[in-house]
Protein backbone atom coordinates (compact mmCIF):
# COMPACT_ATOMS: atom_id res chain seq x y z
CA UNK A 1 -0.10 -0.02 0.03
CA UNK A 2 2.77 2.52 0.89
CA UNK A 3 4.37 1.85 -2.40
CA UNK A 4 0.90 2.14 -4.43
CA UNK A 5 0.39 5.66 -2.46
CA UNK A 6 4.62 6.29 -3.16
CA UNK A 7 3.81 5.88 -7.30
CA UNK A 8 0.70 7.80 -6.76
CA UNK A 9 2.06 11.03 -5.69
CA UNK A 10 5.33 10.94 -8.11
CA UNK A 11 3.10 10.54 -10.91
CA UNK A 12 0.68 13.07 -9.66
CA UNK A 13 3.83 15.59 -9.49
CA UNK A 14 4.93 14.62 -13.21
CA UNK A 15 1.44 15.66 -14.42
CA UNK A 16 0.98 19.27 -15.17
CA UNK A 17 -1.76 20.81 -13.19
CA UNK A 18 -2.22 23.57 -16.17
CA UNK A 19 -1.82 21.08 -18.59
CA UNK A 20 -3.84 21.98 -21.70
CA UNK A 21 -6.23 19.09 -21.54
CA UNK A 22 -7.89 20.32 -18.10
CA UNK A 23 -7.85 24.12 -18.97
CA UNK A 24 -8.73 26.51 -21.61
CA UNK A 25 -6.90 26.75 -24.45
CA UNK A 26 -4.90 30.19 -24.63
CA UNK A 27 -5.23 31.29 -27.71
CA UNK A 28 -3.29 34.32 -29.07
CA UNK A 29 -4.86 37.24 -31.18
CA UNK A 30 -3.27 40.06 -33.00
CA UNK A 31 -4.04 42.91 -35.41
CA UNK A 32 -3.04 41.49 -38.55
CA UNK A 33 -4.92 42.23 -42.12
CA UNK A 34 -6.50 40.36 -43.61
CA UNK A 35 -6.76 37.44 -41.22
CA UNK A 36 -7.73 39.32 -37.67
CA UNK A 37 -8.72 42.81 -36.38
CA UNK A 38 -10.76 43.92 -34.16
CA UNK A 39 -14.11 45.56 -35.10
CA UNK A 40 -15.74 48.47 -34.03
CA UNK A 41 -16.95 46.79 -31.11
CA UNK A 42 -13.59 46.24 -29.65
CA UNK A 43 -14.41 42.59 -30.71
CA UNK A 44 -11.97 40.48 -32.42
CA UNK A 45 -12.80 39.52 -35.79
CA UNK A 46 -11.45 37.85 -39.29
CA UNK A 47 -11.27 35.30 -41.26
CA UNK A 48 -8.61 33.57 -38.68
CA UNK A 49 -10.68 34.50 -36.08
CA UNK A 50 -13.97 32.88 -37.48
CA UNK A 51 -12.42 29.50 -38.24
CA UNK A 52 -10.95 29.21 -34.91
CA UNK A 53 -13.74 29.89 -33.13
CA UNK A 54 -15.41 27.22 -35.79
CA UNK A 55 -12.79 24.83 -35.12
CA UNK A 56 -13.30 25.27 -31.35
CA UNK A 57 -16.98 24.39 -31.44
CA UNK A 58 -16.60 21.18 -33.69
CA UNK A 59 -13.65 20.31 -31.45
CA UNK A 60 -15.47 20.58 -28.15
CA UNK A 61 -12.80 22.84 -26.98
CA UNK A 62 -12.94 26.13 -24.32
CA UNK A 63 -10.36 28.80 -25.30
CA UNK A 64 -9.90 32.29 -24.18
CA UNK A 65 -8.25 34.93 -26.48
CA UNK A 66 -5.37 37.01 -25.26
CA UNK A 67 -3.68 39.68 -27.37
CA UNK A 68 -0.68 39.95 -28.20
CA UNK A 69 1.86 41.86 -29.74
CA UNK A 70 2.32 40.39 -33.80
CA UNK A 71 6.22 39.66 -33.14
CA UNK A 72 5.46 38.16 -29.88
CA UNK A 73 3.54 34.83 -31.18
CA UNK A 74 6.47 32.25 -31.60
CA UNK A 75 8.09 32.79 -28.20
CA UNK A 76 4.58 32.43 -26.38
CA UNK A 77 4.10 29.26 -27.82
CA UNK A 78 7.35 28.02 -27.26
CA UNK A 79 7.20 29.23 -23.17
CA UNK A 80 4.03 27.43 -23.66
CA UNK A 81 2.64 31.11 -22.51
CA UNK A 82 0.11 30.36 -25.40
CA UNK A 83 -1.38 27.20 -26.55
CA UNK A 84 -2.23 28.50 -30.65
CA UNK A 85 -1.72 31.52 -32.20
CA UNK A 86 -5.01 32.35 -34.43
CA UNK A 87 -4.14 35.08 -36.55
CA UNK A 88 -2.37 33.48 -39.52
CA UNK A 89 1.26 32.78 -39.38
CA UNK A 90 3.37 31.88 -42.29
CA UNK A 91 4.33 28.19 -42.18
CA UNK A 92 8.47 27.80 -42.54
CA UNK A 93 10.53 25.37 -41.56
CA UNK A 94 12.88 27.95 -39.71
CA UNK A 95 9.85 28.28 -37.06
CA UNK A 96 8.90 24.96 -36.74
CA UNK A 97 11.96 24.04 -34.77
CA UNK A 98 10.57 25.94 -32.16
CA UNK A 99 6.74 25.47 -32.38
CA UNK A 100 4.29 23.47 -34.64
CA UNK A 101 2.05 24.09 -36.83
CA UNK A 102 -1.60 23.33 -37.86
CA UNK A 103 -2.73 22.11 -41.78
CA UNK A 104 -2.75 24.98 -43.87
CA UNK A 105 -5.67 27.09 -44.44
CA UNK A 106 -4.89 29.87 -46.85
CA UNK A 107 -1.84 30.21 -49.14
CA UNK A 108 0.12 32.91 -48.77
CA UNK A 109 4.06 33.49 -49.02
CA UNK A 110 6.15 36.45 -49.80
CA UNK A 111 6.03 39.37 -51.70
CA UNK A 112 7.40 42.53 -52.39
CA UNK A 113 6.13 46.18 -52.42
CA UNK A 114 8.61 49.40 -53.82
CA UNK A 115 7.88 53.24 -54.21
CA UNK A 116 7.14 54.07 -57.78
CA UNK A 117 8.90 57.46 -57.32
CA UNK A 118 11.32 57.26 -60.19
CA UNK A 119 9.14 55.80 -62.44
CA UNK A 120 8.55 59.63 -64.86
CA UNK A 121 12.50 59.79 -65.05
CA UNK A 122 14.20 59.38 -68.15
CA UNK A 123 16.11 56.41 -67.67
CA UNK A 124 13.08 54.85 -65.89
CA UNK A 125 11.42 55.59 -69.18
CA UNK A 126 14.55 54.19 -71.18
CA UNK A 127 14.28 51.28 -69.01
CA UNK A 128 10.66 50.58 -70.29
CA UNK A 129 11.35 51.42 -73.80
CA UNK A 130 13.91 49.06 -74.11
CA UNK A 131 11.25 46.06 -74.46
CA UNK A 132 11.42 42.85 -77.10
CA UNK A 133 8.17 44.48 -79.32
CA UNK A 134 9.60 48.49 -79.37
CA UNK A 135 13.07 46.94 -80.53
CA UNK A 136 11.94 44.86 -83.29
CA UNK A 137 9.93 47.82 -84.78
CA UNK A 138 13.33 49.74 -84.16
CA UNK A 139 15.03 47.09 -86.56
CA UNK A 140 12.53 46.96 -88.94
CA UNK A 141 12.18 50.65 -89.95
CA UNK A 142 15.62 50.75 -89.94
CA UNK A 143 15.89 48.05 -92.08
CA UNK A 144 13.21 49.34 -94.81
CA UNK A 145 15.04 52.93 -94.84
CA UNK A 146 18.18 51.55 -95.88
CA UNK A 147 16.12 49.25 -98.97
CA UNK A 148 14.05 52.92 -99.70
CA UNK A 149 17.42 54.42 -99.82
CA UNK A 150 19.18 52.30 -101.95
CA UNK A 151 15.96 51.94 -104.20
CA UNK A 152 15.88 55.56 -105.18
CA UNK A 153 19.37 55.62 -106.14
CA UNK A 154 19.05 52.83 -108.25
CA UNK A 155 15.90 54.22 -110.30
CA UNK A 156 17.32 57.90 -110.16
CA UNK A 157 20.98 57.15 -110.32
CA UNK A 158 20.92 57.79 -114.06
CA UNK A 159 18.43 60.48 -114.92
CA UNK A 160 19.50 62.70 -111.33
CA UNK A 161 22.52 62.44 -110.76
CA UNK A 162 22.65 65.77 -109.17
CA UNK A 163 20.45 64.26 -106.22
CA UNK A 164 21.03 60.31 -106.54
CA UNK A 165 23.87 59.91 -109.06
CA UNK A 166 27.33 57.91 -108.55
CA UNK A 167 28.65 61.66 -108.00
CA UNK A 168 26.81 62.65 -105.51
CA UNK A 169 27.13 61.91 -101.81
CA UNK A 170 25.93 57.81 -100.89
CA UNK A 171 23.78 59.00 -97.93
CA UNK A 172 22.00 61.32 -100.06
CA UNK A 173 19.50 58.27 -100.42
CA UNK A 174 19.28 57.15 -97.08
CA UNK A 175 18.98 60.82 -95.92
CA UNK A 176 15.84 60.99 -98.36
CA UNK A 177 14.26 57.75 -96.89
CA UNK A 178 14.78 59.24 -93.27
CA UNK A 179 13.25 62.85 -94.06
CA UNK A 180 10.45 61.16 -95.56
CA UNK A 181 9.72 58.64 -93.40
CA UNK A 182 9.90 61.31 -90.81
CA UNK A 183 7.18 63.51 -93.01
CA UNK A 184 10.05 66.45 -92.87
CA UNK A 185 10.78 66.47 -96.08
CA UNK A 186 13.13 69.14 -97.08
CA UNK A 187 13.23 69.20 -100.19
CA UNK A 188 16.85 69.07 -100.91
CA UNK A 189 16.89 65.84 -102.47
CA UNK A 190 14.17 64.95 -104.98
CA UNK A 191 13.18 62.28 -107.42
CA UNK A 192 12.40 63.38 -110.88
CA UNK A 193 11.57 60.42 -113.21
CA UNK A 194 8.62 58.42 -113.12
CA UNK A 195 9.56 55.72 -111.49
CA UNK A 196 11.46 57.65 -108.72
CA UNK A 197 8.41 59.42 -108.22
CA UNK A 198 6.49 56.05 -107.63
CA UNK A 199 8.78 55.24 -105.69
CA UNK A 200 9.06 57.71 -103.57
CA UNK A 201 5.05 57.97 -103.09
CA UNK A 202 4.89 54.08 -102.20
CA UNK A 203 7.75 55.09 -98.90
CA UNK A 204 5.72 57.80 -98.44
CA UNK A 205 2.26 55.64 -97.84
CA UNK A 206 4.38 53.01 -95.85
CA UNK A 207 6.04 55.59 -93.86
CA UNK A 208 2.98 56.65 -93.10
CA UNK A 209 1.82 53.39 -91.52
CA UNK A 210 5.33 52.31 -90.31
CA UNK A 211 5.50 55.71 -87.97
CA UNK A 212 1.60 55.15 -86.77
CA UNK A 213 2.26 51.68 -85.70
CA UNK A 214 5.38 52.69 -84.52
CA UNK A 215 4.34 55.15 -82.29
CA UNK A 216 1.03 53.48 -81.62
CA UNK A 217 3.28 51.13 -80.19
CA UNK A 218 5.72 53.10 -77.81
CA UNK A 219 2.51 54.98 -76.85
CA UNK A 220 1.14 51.56 -75.17
CA UNK A 221 4.27 50.37 -73.74
CA UNK A 222 5.10 53.73 -71.66
CA UNK A 223 1.21 53.15 -70.96
CA UNK A 224 1.80 50.02 -69.63
CA UNK A 225 4.85 50.77 -67.44
CA UNK A 226 3.02 53.25 -65.95
CA UNK A 227 0.51 50.81 -64.49
CA UNK A 228 3.14 47.54 -64.06
CA UNK A 229 6.06 47.90 -61.96
CA UNK A 230 9.38 48.71 -63.58
CA UNK A 231 11.26 45.94 -61.34
CA UNK A 232 9.67 42.27 -61.80
CA UNK A 233 11.07 40.28 -59.78
CA UNK A 234 13.44 41.11 -56.12
CA UNK A 235 16.35 40.07 -57.85
CA UNK A 236 16.17 43.09 -59.75
CA UNK A 237 16.80 44.92 -56.12
CA UNK A 238 19.86 45.67 -54.43
CA UNK A 239 19.63 43.09 -51.29
CA UNK A 240 20.81 45.43 -48.48
CA UNK A 241 17.77 48.21 -49.60
CA UNK A 242 14.63 45.99 -48.62
CA UNK A 243 12.88 46.08 -45.68
CA UNK A 244 10.99 43.55 -43.42
CA UNK A 245 9.10 43.77 -40.25
CA UNK A 246 11.43 42.53 -37.28
CA UNK A 247 9.30 38.51 -37.16
CA UNK A 248 11.17 35.91 -37.14
CA UNK A 249 9.52 34.39 -40.39
CA UNK A 250 10.20 37.44 -41.97
CA UNK A 251 14.10 37.08 -41.14
CA UNK A 252 14.01 33.50 -41.78
CA UNK A 253 12.11 34.63 -45.39
CA UNK A 254 14.93 37.23 -45.83
CA UNK A 255 17.47 34.32 -45.29
CA UNK A 256 16.30 31.69 -47.65
CA UNK A 257 16.00 34.30 -50.83
CA UNK A 258 20.00 35.90 -49.85
CA UNK A 259 19.05 38.79 -48.65
CA UNK A 260 20.28 41.48 -45.67
CA UNK A 261 16.84 43.64 -44.72
CA UNK A 262 16.93 46.57 -42.76
CA UNK A 263 13.83 45.24 -40.13
CA UNK A 264 11.77 47.56 -38.83
CA UNK A 265 9.32 47.59 -35.73
CA UNK A 266 6.16 47.21 -37.75
CA UNK A 267 4.68 47.27 -41.07
CA UNK A 268 4.25 51.19 -40.58
CA UNK A 269 7.42 52.25 -39.85
CA UNK A 270 8.81 49.86 -42.95
CA UNK A 271 5.76 51.58 -45.37
CA UNK A 272 7.14 54.93 -44.20
CA UNK A 273 10.80 53.52 -45.05
CA UNK A 274 9.92 52.79 -48.42
CA UNK A 275 8.34 56.47 -49.16
CA UNK A 276 11.24 58.56 -47.94
CA UNK A 277 13.68 56.24 -49.62
CA UNK A 278 15.45 54.29 -47.10
CA UNK A 279 14.29 51.28 -48.72
CA UNK A 280 14.13 50.62 -52.14
CA UNK A 281 11.35 47.82 -51.13
CA UNK A 282 9.71 45.90 -48.66
CA UNK A 283 9.42 42.03 -48.31
CA UNK A 284 6.44 41.09 -46.47
CA UNK A 285 3.67 38.16 -46.24
CA UNK A 286 1.61 38.32 -49.68
CA UNK A 287 -1.29 38.50 -48.02
CA UNK A 288 -0.74 41.20 -45.33
CA UNK A 289 1.35 42.83 -47.84
CA UNK A 290 -1.77 43.19 -50.41
CA UNK A 291 -3.90 44.27 -47.60
CA UNK A 292 -1.68 47.33 -46.35
CA UNK A 293 -1.31 48.45 -49.68
CA UNK A 294 -5.01 48.71 -50.10
CA UNK A 295 -5.49 50.22 -46.90
CA UNK A 296 -2.78 53.22 -47.90
CA UNK A 297 -4.23 54.12 -51.29
CA UNK A 298 -1.04 55.35 -52.74
CA UNK A 299 -1.12 55.12 -56.14
CA UNK A 300 2.66 55.00 -56.17
CA UNK A 301 3.23 52.00 -54.26
CA UNK A 302 3.01 48.68 -56.27
CA UNK A 303 3.18 45.11 -55.32
CA UNK A 304 5.73 42.98 -57.74
CA UNK A 305 3.63 40.41 -59.69
CA UNK A 306 5.98 37.57 -59.00
CA UNK A 307 5.78 36.38 -55.74
CA UNK A 308 9.21 36.09 -53.89
CA UNK A 309 8.54 33.09 -52.14
CA UNK A 310 6.04 30.76 -52.07
CA UNK A 311 4.04 29.39 -48.86
CA UNK A 312 0.98 28.83 -46.61
CA UNK A 313 -0.53 30.26 -43.35
CA UNK A 314 -2.10 28.41 -40.68
CA UNK A 315 -2.40 28.59 -36.89
CA UNK A 316 0.83 28.55 -34.72
CA UNK A 317 0.84 25.71 -32.05
CA UNK A 318 2.49 24.91 -29.12
CA UNK A 319 4.79 21.40 -29.04
CA UNK A 320 3.53 20.72 -25.90
CA UNK A 321 -0.24 20.21 -27.26
CA UNK A 322 -0.36 16.59 -27.15
CA UNK A 323 -0.76 14.67 -30.33
CA UNK A 324 -4.32 13.98 -30.14
CA UNK A 325 -5.33 17.78 -29.55
CA UNK A 326 -3.54 18.77 -32.71
CA UNK A 327 -4.86 16.37 -34.50
CA UNK A 328 -8.39 17.17 -33.37
CA UNK A 329 -7.44 20.56 -34.30
CA UNK A 330 -6.75 19.67 -37.71
CA UNK A 331 -9.76 17.76 -38.54
CA UNK A 332 -11.99 20.34 -37.16
CA UNK A 333 -9.91 22.98 -39.70
CA UNK A 334 -10.07 20.53 -42.64
CA UNK A 335 -14.34 20.25 -41.93
CA UNK A 336 -14.46 24.15 -41.87
CA UNK A 337 -12.48 24.88 -44.93
CA UNK A 338 -14.25 22.67 -46.90
CA UNK A 339 -17.44 23.32 -45.81
CA UNK A 340 -19.91 25.82 -47.90
CA UNK A 341 -19.50 28.94 -44.57
CA UNK A 342 -16.03 28.96 -45.71
CA UNK A 343 -16.49 30.49 -48.78
CA UNK A 344 -18.23 33.47 -47.16
CA UNK A 345 -15.66 33.79 -44.35
CA UNK A 346 -12.68 33.40 -47.17
CA UNK A 347 -14.13 36.67 -48.87
CA UNK A 348 -12.69 38.50 -45.95
CA UNK A 349 -9.45 37.80 -47.07
CA UNK A 350 -9.75 39.36 -50.21
CA UNK A 351 -11.81 42.79 -48.94
CA UNK A 352 -10.68 43.17 -45.42
CA UNK A 353 -11.91 46.25 -44.02
CA UNK A 354 -10.11 49.42 -44.68
CA UNK A 355 -9.47 50.59 -41.06
CA UNK A 356 -11.05 48.08 -38.74
């Protein structure tokens, strides 16, 4: 009997008295668009919060919401102060060293936003014009001009020696073709034969078509350049001039991409550095970044079209949670995200409130 009592007392001492199975789960939340925010009544809302509430109902979990700073989740999950982070956490191998993750409920890696303050400068415009289509047009028009210059010398050379003959300067034919193409027509070189005038008429008509098509191509290229970013990928940027919000996951993403970022405490600080030129771009989780750009309504902010890093979003979980409890949470997430109700909830990911 004494031995039994001793074993019971030792076993009771080894079992945590505050285990998640015997108390309400501590669920961390924070303001992180487009996943979670406080509504007008001061209550926590958003797709991640709504999803967690449905998961808790399905899995029959007791919980309490605990507000935390956005960069405070990993340490709190690691030391057991929190059990779950229900605000949309980027899933990464770096973070998985200290915390667990639920199954993902949204796709979202890392993207880059740039400021188009220099879009109207000459070098920027020149870069937009250096497209394959424009170069093809320039090459074709140049070849056509050379051809017109050669033809006019051949048909006018014998009877219009002064302007296009062998004794005239060889460049005269090209000069005439260029002035005709540009519709300037100085009149210093003119064809005098019937065949030469026919060639000139044909070249005038062709010049009108070429100039019109080339001009429209250039205008379209410049217009598209104003709407689309000059830069296409993060590799076009200086790796030392990229800002991030100081989070463990963002630092891991920067290391994975091989950049040396400048870290800022908040999203507002990072965007402020971008606006005043202290950084060339900001690297941030894609969905959060798009929500932040939309909320600022600044037409000079442009998210690069190609995602810098692919990834997924889930709930952060403490490694202290039992495998059975994690399975219940994951099963409930899968049930929730496959339900018709999730379609309505997930629409908020694309249309978060502008100023919650």
